[in-house]
Amino acid sequence: MPSALSIDLRERVVAAMAEGVSCHGAAARFGVSASSASRWAGRLRQEGQVAPRSRGGDQRSLGIEAHADLTCATHEAQPTICLRELCAALAERGLTTSTSELSRFFARHRITRKRGRCTRSSTSGRT
């Protein structure tokens, strides 16, 4: 994936357009596309900056973060619950999520989910 163009270049293109150079003229002078020059000028008018927006990352976690208290309370009520069961319990309360989203949620909040031992320790060897 290509990297974003520098803020300095963006500012020079927008400054040239502010001086009266056309969008196509400024784009040709600095070697960028006319659509990029137009977007940068529009972004400067709307948001007051020409810096590139952030790219990538987790876009879907806002939904579960809004219900963090419900998720934590459900987990604290049943600490040995598995992720699939937790998804079903949250779905009953109106929050649809996936097991991978819950796993990322617990990792972000540094909540460990170790389950207890199902069997006794071995007396004859290492476990």
N, C-alpha and C. Protein backbone atom coordinates (compact mmCIF):
# COMPACT_ATOMS: atom_id res chain seq x y z
N MET A 1 0.84 -1.17 0.00
CA MET A 1 0.00 0.00 0.00
C MET A 1 0.89 1.23 0.00
N PRO A 2 0.64 2.17 -0.88
CA PRO A 2 1.49 3.36 -0.95
C PRO A 2 1.31 4.25 0.28
N SER A 3 2.35 4.99 0.60
CA SER A 3 2.27 5.89 1.75
C SER A 3 1.66 7.23 1.32
N ALA A 4 1.16 7.95 2.31
CA ALA A 4 0.54 9.25 2.04
C ALA A 4 1.61 10.27 1.69
N LEU A 5 1.24 11.24 0.88
CA LEU A 5 2.17 12.30 0.51
C LEU A 5 2.38 13.24 1.70
N SER A 6 3.51 13.91 1.72
CA SER A 6 3.90 14.72 2.87
C SER A 6 2.95 15.90 3.08
N ILE A 7 2.91 16.35 4.32
CA ILE A 7 2.07 17.49 4.68
C ILE A 7 2.61 18.76 4.01
N ASP A 8 3.94 18.85 3.90
CA ASP A 8 4.56 20.02 3.26
C ASP A 8 4.09 20.16 1.81
N LEU A 9 4.08 19.07 1.07
CA LEU A 9 3.62 19.11 -0.31
C LEU A 9 2.15 19.49 -0.38
N ARG A 10 1.36 18.92 0.49
CA ARG A 10 -0.07 19.23 0.53
C ARG A 10 -0.29 20.72 0.78
N GLU A 11 0.47 21.27 1.75
CA GLU A 11 0.31 22.69 2.07
C GLU A 11 0.75 23.59 0.91
N ARG A 12 1.80 23.20 0.18
CA ARG A 12 2.25 24.00 -0.96
C ARG A 12 1.22 23.98 -2.08
N VAL A 13 0.61 22.84 -2.33
CA VAL A 13 -0.42 22.75 -3.37
C VAL A 13 -1.62 23.61 -3.01
N VAL A 14 -2.07 23.51 -1.77
CA VAL A 14 -3.24 24.29 -1.32
C VAL A 14 -2.91 25.78 -1.31
N ALA A 15 -1.69 26.15 -0.94
CA ALA A 15 -1.29 27.56 -0.95
C ALA A 15 -1.28 28.11 -2.37
N ALA A 16 -0.83 27.32 -3.31
CA ALA A 16 -0.84 27.76 -4.71
C ALA A 16 -2.27 27.96 -5.19
N MET A 17 -3.17 27.09 -4.79
CA MET A 17 -4.57 27.24 -5.17
C MET A 17 -5.19 28.47 -4.52
N ALA A 18 -4.76 28.79 -3.29
CA ALA A 18 -5.28 29.97 -2.60
C ALA A 18 -4.80 31.26 -3.28
N GLU A 19 -3.63 31.20 -3.94
CA GLU A 19 -3.10 32.37 -4.64
C GLU A 19 -3.79 32.60 -5.98
N GLY A 20 -4.64 31.68 -6.39
CA GLY A 20 -5.38 31.87 -7.62
C GLY A 20 -5.07 30.90 -8.74
N VAL A 21 -4.12 30.00 -8.52
CA VAL A 21 -3.80 29.01 -9.53
C VAL A 21 -4.94 27.99 -9.56
N SER A 22 -5.28 27.54 -10.73
CA SER A 22 -6.37 26.56 -10.83
C SER A 22 -5.94 25.24 -10.21
N CYS A 23 -6.92 24.41 -9.97
CA CYS A 23 -6.68 23.09 -9.37
C CYS A 23 -5.78 22.26 -10.28
N HIS A 24 -6.07 22.26 -11.56
CA HIS A 24 -5.27 21.50 -12.51
C HIS A 24 -3.86 22.08 -12.65
N GLY A 25 -3.75 23.42 -12.62
CA GLY A 25 -2.45 24.06 -12.72
C GLY A 25 -1.57 23.76 -11.53
N ALA A 26 -2.13 23.82 -10.32
CA ALA A 26 -1.36 23.52 -9.11
C ALA A 26 -0.96 22.06 -9.09
N ALA A 27 -1.86 21.20 -9.53
CA ALA A 27 -1.55 19.76 -9.55
C ALA A 27 -0.42 19.48 -10.53
N ALA A 28 -0.45 20.10 -11.69
CA ALA A 28 0.60 19.89 -12.69
C ALA A 28 1.93 20.43 -12.21
N ARG A 29 1.93 21.58 -11.53
CA ARG A 29 3.16 22.19 -11.05
C ARG A 29 3.86 21.30 -10.03
N PHE A 30 3.09 20.66 -9.14
CA PHE A 30 3.69 19.87 -8.07
C PHE A 30 3.69 18.37 -8.35
N GLY A 31 3.16 17.97 -9.49
CA GLY A 31 3.22 16.56 -9.87
C GLY A 31 2.29 15.65 -9.11
N VAL A 32 1.10 16.15 -8.77
CA VAL A 32 0.08 15.33 -8.11
C VAL A 32 -1.16 15.33 -8.99
N SER A 33 -2.11 14.51 -8.64
CA SER A 33 -3.33 14.47 -9.44
C SER A 33 -4.25 15.64 -9.06
N ALA A 34 -5.08 16.02 -10.02
CA ALA A 34 -6.01 17.13 -9.79
C ALA A 34 -7.04 16.76 -8.73
N SER A 35 -7.43 15.50 -8.68
CA SER A 35 -8.42 15.09 -7.68
C SER A 35 -7.83 15.18 -6.27
N SER A 36 -6.54 14.85 -6.13
CA SER A 36 -5.91 14.98 -4.81
C SER A 36 -5.85 16.44 -4.39
N ALA A 37 -5.46 17.32 -5.31
CA ALA A 37 -5.39 18.75 -5.00
C ALA A 37 -6.76 19.27 -4.60
N SER A 38 -7.79 18.84 -5.30
CA SER A 38 -9.15 19.27 -4.98
C SER A 38 -9.59 18.76 -3.61
N ARG A 39 -9.27 17.49 -3.30
CA ARG A 39 -9.63 16.92 -1.99
C ARG A 39 -8.91 17.65 -0.87
N TRP A 40 -7.62 17.95 -1.06
CA TRP A 40 -6.86 18.64 -0.03
C TRP A 40 -7.41 20.03 0.23
N ALA A 41 -7.78 20.74 -0.82
CA ALA A 41 -8.35 22.08 -0.65
C ALA A 41 -9.70 22.00 0.06
N GLY A 42 -10.50 21.03 -0.29
CA GLY A 42 -11.79 20.85 0.38
C GLY A 42 -11.63 20.47 1.84
N ARG A 43 -10.64 19.64 2.12
CA ARG A 43 -10.40 19.24 3.50
C ARG A 43 -9.92 20.43 4.33
N LEU A 44 -9.10 21.30 3.72
CA LEU A 44 -8.65 22.49 4.43
C LEU A 44 -9.83 23.41 4.75
N ARG A 45 -10.76 23.55 3.81
CA ARG A 45 -11.94 24.38 4.06
C ARG A 45 -12.83 23.77 5.15
N GLN A 46 -13.02 22.47 5.12
CA GLN A 46 -13.95 21.83 6.06
C GLN A 46 -13.35 21.57 7.43
N GLU A 47 -12.11 21.07 7.45
CA GLU A 47 -11.52 20.62 8.71
C GLU A 47 -10.38 21.50 9.20
N GLY A 48 -9.89 22.40 8.35
CA GLY A 48 -8.83 23.30 8.76
C GLY A 48 -7.44 22.68 8.72
N GLN A 49 -7.28 21.54 8.09
CA GLN A 49 -5.98 20.90 7.99
C GLN A 49 -5.90 20.07 6.71
N VAL A 50 -4.68 19.77 6.30
CA VAL A 50 -4.48 18.96 5.11
C VAL A 50 -3.74 17.67 5.43
N ALA A 51 -3.52 17.40 6.69
CA ALA A 51 -2.80 16.18 7.10
C ALA A 51 -3.59 14.95 6.68
N PRO A 52 -2.89 13.87 6.34
CA PRO A 52 -3.60 12.66 5.93
C PRO A 52 -4.37 12.05 7.08
N ARG A 53 -5.49 11.44 6.76
CA ARG A 53 -6.29 10.75 7.77
C ARG A 53 -5.59 9.45 8.16
N SER A 54 -5.91 8.96 9.32
CA SER A 54 -5.33 7.69 9.75
C SER A 54 -5.88 6.56 8.88
N ARG A 55 -5.06 5.54 8.69
CA ARG A 55 -5.46 4.43 7.85
C ARG A 55 -5.36 3.14 8.64
N GLY A 56 -6.21 2.20 8.30
CA GLY A 56 -6.15 0.87 8.89
C GLY A 56 -6.62 0.86 10.32
N GLY A 57 -6.29 -0.20 11.00
CA GLY A 57 -6.66 -0.34 12.39
C GLY A 57 -8.06 -0.92 12.54
N ASP A 58 -8.45 -1.07 13.76
CA ASP A 58 -9.73 -1.67 14.09
C ASP A 58 -10.82 -0.61 13.99
N GLN A 59 -11.73 -0.78 13.06
CA GLN A 59 -12.81 0.18 12.85
C GLN A 59 -14.10 -0.24 13.55
N ARG A 60 -14.18 -1.49 13.97
CA ARG A 60 -15.45 -2.00 14.48
C ARG A 60 -15.54 -2.04 16.00
N SER A 61 -14.49 -1.69 16.72
CA SER A 61 -14.50 -1.86 18.16
C SER A 61 -15.30 -0.78 18.89
N LEU A 62 -15.73 0.26 18.21
CA LEU A 62 -16.47 1.31 18.88
C LEU A 62 -17.79 0.80 19.44
N GLY A 63 -18.40 -0.15 18.76
CA GLY A 63 -19.67 -0.69 19.23
C GLY A 63 -19.56 -1.40 20.55
N ILE A 64 -18.54 -2.21 20.71
CA ILE A 64 -18.39 -2.94 21.96
C ILE A 64 -17.82 -2.04 23.06
N GLU A 65 -17.03 -1.05 22.69
CA GLU A 65 -16.49 -0.12 23.68
C GLU A 65 -17.61 0.72 24.31
N ALA A 66 -18.66 0.98 23.55
CA ALA A 66 -19.79 1.74 24.10
C ALA A 66 -20.53 0.92 25.15
N HIS A 67 -20.41 -0.40 25.09
CA HIS A 67 -21.07 -1.29 26.05
C HIS A 67 -20.04 -2.02 26.90
N ALA A 68 -18.95 -1.36 27.23
CA ALA A 68 -17.88 -1.99 28.01
C ALA A 68 -18.36 -2.42 29.39
N ASP A 69 -19.20 -1.60 30.01
CA ASP A 69 -19.68 -1.95 31.35
C ASP A 69 -20.54 -3.21 31.31
N LEU A 70 -21.40 -3.35 30.30
CA LEU A 70 -22.23 -4.55 30.17
C LEU A 70 -21.37 -5.78 29.90
N THR A 71 -20.37 -5.65 29.05
CA THR A 71 -19.49 -6.77 28.73
C THR A 71 -18.70 -7.20 29.96
N CYS A 72 -18.14 -6.24 30.69
CA CYS A 72 -17.36 -6.57 31.89
C CYS A 72 -18.25 -7.15 32.98
N ALA A 73 -19.45 -6.61 33.14
CA ALA A 73 -20.35 -7.13 34.17
C ALA A 73 -20.78 -8.56 33.85
N THR A 74 -21.04 -8.85 32.59
CA THR A 74 -21.42 -10.21 32.21
C THR A 74 -20.26 -11.16 32.42
N HIS A 75 -19.05 -10.72 32.11
CA HIS A 75 -17.88 -11.56 32.32
C HIS A 75 -17.60 -11.77 33.80
N GLU A 76 -17.77 -10.74 34.62
CA GLU A 76 -17.52 -10.88 36.05
C GLU A 76 -18.55 -11.76 36.73
N ALA A 77 -19.78 -11.76 36.21
CA ALA A 77 -20.81 -12.62 36.79
C ALA A 77 -20.50 -14.10 36.55
N GLN A 78 -19.90 -14.41 35.41
CA GLN A 78 -19.53 -15.78 35.07
C GLN A 78 -18.11 -15.78 34.52
N PRO A 79 -17.10 -15.79 35.39
CA PRO A 79 -15.72 -15.66 34.90
C PRO A 79 -15.22 -16.84 34.07
N THR A 80 -15.83 -18.02 34.19
CA THR A 80 -15.36 -19.18 33.43
C THR A 80 -16.12 -19.37 32.13
N ILE A 81 -16.93 -18.40 31.75
CA ILE A 81 -17.72 -18.51 30.53
C ILE A 81 -16.79 -18.43 29.31
N CYS A 82 -17.06 -19.24 28.29
CA CYS A 82 -16.24 -19.18 27.08
C CYS A 82 -16.76 -18.05 26.17
N LEU A 83 -15.97 -17.71 25.17
CA LEU A 83 -16.31 -16.57 24.32
C LEU A 83 -17.62 -16.76 23.57
N ARG A 84 -17.87 -17.98 23.09
CA ARG A 84 -19.14 -18.23 22.37
C ARG A 84 -20.34 -18.04 23.29
N GLU A 85 -20.22 -18.55 24.51
CA GLU A 85 -21.31 -18.37 25.47
C GLU A 85 -21.49 -16.91 25.85
N LEU A 86 -20.39 -16.19 25.96
CA LEU A 86 -20.45 -14.76 26.27
C LEU A 86 -21.11 -13.99 25.13
N CYS A 87 -20.82 -14.38 23.88
CA CYS A 87 -21.49 -13.76 22.73
C CYS A 87 -22.99 -13.97 22.80
N ALA A 88 -23.39 -15.19 23.14
CA ALA A 88 -24.82 -15.50 23.23
C ALA A 88 -25.48 -14.73 24.37
N ALA A 89 -24.78 -14.63 25.51
CA ALA A 89 -25.34 -13.90 26.65
C ALA A 89 -25.49 -12.41 26.33
N LEU A 90 -24.51 -11.85 25.61
CA LEU A 90 -24.61 -10.44 25.23
C LEU A 90 -25.68 -10.23 24.17
N ALA A 91 -25.88 -11.21 23.29
CA ALA A 91 -26.92 -11.10 22.27
C ALA A 91 -28.30 -11.09 22.90
N GLU A 92 -28.47 -11.83 23.99
CA GLU A 92 -29.75 -11.81 24.71
C GLU A 92 -30.04 -10.44 25.30
N ARG A 93 -28.99 -9.69 25.59
CA ARG A 93 -29.14 -8.36 26.15
C ARG A 93 -29.11 -7.27 25.08
N GLY A 94 -29.07 -7.67 23.80
CA GLY A 94 -29.17 -6.71 22.72
C GLY A 94 -27.87 -6.26 22.09
N LEU A 95 -26.75 -6.88 22.47
CA LEU A 95 -25.45 -6.50 21.91
C LEU A 95 -24.93 -7.64 21.05
N THR A 96 -24.92 -7.44 19.74
CA THR A 96 -24.40 -8.47 18.85
C THR A 96 -22.91 -8.22 18.63
N THR A 97 -22.12 -9.27 18.80
CA THR A 97 -20.67 -9.18 18.67
C THR A 97 -20.15 -10.53 18.21
N SER A 98 -18.86 -10.60 17.98
CA SER A 98 -18.23 -11.86 17.57
C SER A 98 -17.19 -12.26 18.61
N THR A 99 -16.75 -13.51 18.51
CA THR A 99 -15.75 -13.98 19.46
C THR A 99 -14.42 -13.27 19.27
N SER A 100 -14.06 -12.96 18.03
CA SER A 100 -12.80 -12.26 17.79
C SER A 100 -12.86 -10.83 18.32
N GLU A 101 -14.01 -10.21 18.21
CA GLU A 101 -14.16 -8.85 18.74
C GLU A 101 -14.06 -8.85 20.26
N LEU A 102 -14.65 -9.87 20.90
CA LEU A 102 -14.54 -9.99 22.35
C LEU A 102 -13.10 -10.27 22.77
N SER A 103 -12.41 -11.08 22.01
CA SER A 103 -11.02 -11.38 22.32
C SER A 103 -10.17 -10.11 22.26
N ARG A 104 -10.37 -9.28 21.22
CA ARG A 104 -9.64 -8.02 21.12
C ARG A 104 -10.03 -7.07 22.25
N PHE A 105 -11.30 -7.07 22.64
CA PHE A 105 -11.77 -6.22 23.73
C PHE A 105 -11.04 -6.58 25.02
N PHE A 106 -10.99 -7.88 25.34
CA PHE A 106 -10.32 -8.30 26.57
C PHE A 106 -8.82 -8.02 26.51
N ALA A 107 -8.21 -8.15 25.36
CA ALA A 107 -6.78 -7.85 25.23
C ALA A 107 -6.52 -6.36 25.44
N ARG A 108 -7.39 -5.49 24.87
CA ARG A 108 -7.23 -4.05 25.05
C ARG A 108 -7.36 -3.64 26.50
N HIS A 109 -8.26 -4.29 27.22
CA HIS A 109 -8.50 -3.94 28.62
C HIS A 109 -7.64 -4.75 29.59
N ARG A 110 -6.75 -5.57 29.02
CA ARG A 110 -5.84 -6.41 29.81
C ARG A 110 -6.59 -7.29 30.81
N ILE A 111 -7.66 -7.88 30.33
CA ILE A 111 -8.44 -8.82 31.14
C ILE A 111 -8.05 -10.22 30.69
N THR A 112 -7.48 -10.99 31.62
CA THR A 112 -7.10 -12.36 31.27
C THR A 112 -8.28 -13.27 31.55
N ARG A 113 -8.39 -14.29 30.75
CA ARG A 113 -9.53 -15.19 30.84
C ARG A 113 -9.07 -16.62 31.02
N LYS A 114 -8.24 -16.88 32.00
CA LYS A 114 -7.75 -18.23 32.25
C LYS A 114 -8.87 -19.04 32.91
N ARG A 115 -9.09 -20.21 32.37
CA ARG A 115 -10.09 -21.08 32.97
C ARG A 115 -9.41 -21.97 33.99
N GLY A 116 -10.16 -22.40 34.97
CA GLY A 116 -9.61 -23.25 36.02
C GLY A 116 -9.32 -24.65 35.51
N ARG A 117 -8.54 -25.40 36.28
CA ARG A 117 -8.23 -26.77 35.90
C ARG A 117 -9.45 -27.64 36.04
N CYS A 118 -9.62 -28.53 35.07
CA CYS A 118 -10.74 -29.46 35.11
C CYS A 118 -10.36 -30.75 35.82
N THR A 119 -9.05 -31.03 35.89
CA THR A 119 -8.60 -32.28 36.52
C THR A 119 -7.63 -31.97 37.64
N ARG A 120 -7.41 -32.96 38.46
CA ARG A 120 -6.46 -32.80 39.55
C ARG A 120 -5.05 -32.84 39.01
N SER A 121 -4.11 -32.31 39.76
CA SER A 121 -2.72 -32.37 39.39
C SER A 121 -2.23 -33.81 39.44
N SER A 122 -1.30 -34.11 38.57
CA SER A 122 -0.73 -35.46 38.52
C SER A 122 0.25 -35.62 39.68
N THR A 123 0.16 -36.75 40.33
CA THR A 123 1.10 -37.02 41.43
C THR A 123 2.31 -37.78 40.95
N SER A 124 2.26 -38.33 39.72
CA SER A 124 3.35 -39.16 39.24
C SER A 124 4.30 -38.42 38.30
N GLY A 125 3.93 -37.26 37.77
CA GLY A 125 4.81 -36.57 36.83
C GLY A 125 4.46 -35.11 36.72
N ARG A 126 5.23 -34.43 35.87
CA ARG A 126 5.00 -33.01 35.66
C ARG A 126 3.74 -32.79 34.84
N THR A 127 3.10 -31.69 35.10
CA THR A 127 1.92 -31.33 34.32
C THR A 127 2.17 -30.04 33.57
